[in-house]
Amino acid sequence: MQLKGMNRGRIADDLVLYNEHYAPTTK
């Protein structure tokens, strides 16, 4: 469960970085 949560948070961070890199207008 904990590992799954960590992975989920990591994916969320990756999505944020992806959005900031490819769509900075969302900020």
C-alpha atoms as a PDB file:
ATOM      1  CA  MET A   1       0.000   0.000   0.000  1.00  0.00           C
ATOM      2  CA  GLN A   2       2.721   2.452   1.001  1.00  0.00           C
ATOM      3  CA  LEU A   3       4.783   1.643  -2.088  1.00  0.00           C
ATOM      4  CA  LYS A   4       1.706   2.120  -4.269  1.00  0.00           C
ATOM      5  CA  GLY A   5       1.103   5.521  -2.677  1.00  0.00           C
ATOM      6  CA  MET A   6       4.712   6.527  -3.266  1.00  0.00           C
ATOM      7  CA  ASN A   7       4.454   5.483  -6.906  1.00  0.00           C
ATOM      8  CA  ARG A   8       1.230   7.449  -7.226  1.00  0.00           C
ATOM      9  CA  GLY A   9       2.899  10.573  -5.824  1.00  0.00           C
ATOM     10  CA  ARG A  10       5.870  10.073  -8.102  1.00  0.00           C
ATOM     11  CA  ILE A  11       3.587   9.787 -11.133  1.00  0.00           C
ATOM     12  CA  ALA A  12       1.819  12.969 -10.050  1.00  0.00           C
ATOM     13  CA  ASP A  13       5.175  14.777  -9.840  1.00  0.00           C
ATOM     14  CA  ASP A  14       6.098  13.482 -13.297  1.00  0.00           C
ATOM     15  CA  LEU A  15       2.776  14.760 -14.635  1.00  0.00           C
ATOM     16  CA  VAL A  16       3.395  18.179 -13.097  1.00  0.00           C
ATOM     17  CA  LEU A  17       6.881  18.345 -14.610  1.00  0.00           C
ATOM     18  CA  TYR A  18       5.510  17.151 -17.960  1.00  0.00           C
ATOM     19  CA  ASN A  19       2.772  19.792 -17.885  1.00  0.00           C
ATOM     20  CA  GLU A  20       5.221  22.532 -16.902  1.00  0.00           C
ATOM     21  CA  HIS A  21       7.595  21.506 -19.691  1.00  0.00           C
ATOM     22  CA  TYR A  22       5.050  21.010 -22.480  1.00  0.00           C
ATOM     23  CA  ALA A  23       2.222  23.278 -21.303  1.00  0.00           C
ATOM     24  CA  PRO A  24       3.584  26.070 -19.062  1.00  0.00           C
ATOM     25  CA  THR A  25       0.419  28.040 -19.795  1.00  0.00           C
ATOM     26  CA  THR A  26      -1.413  25.872 -17.242  1.00  0.00           C
ATOM     27  CA  LYS A  27       0.459  27.640 -14.427  1.00  0.00           C
END
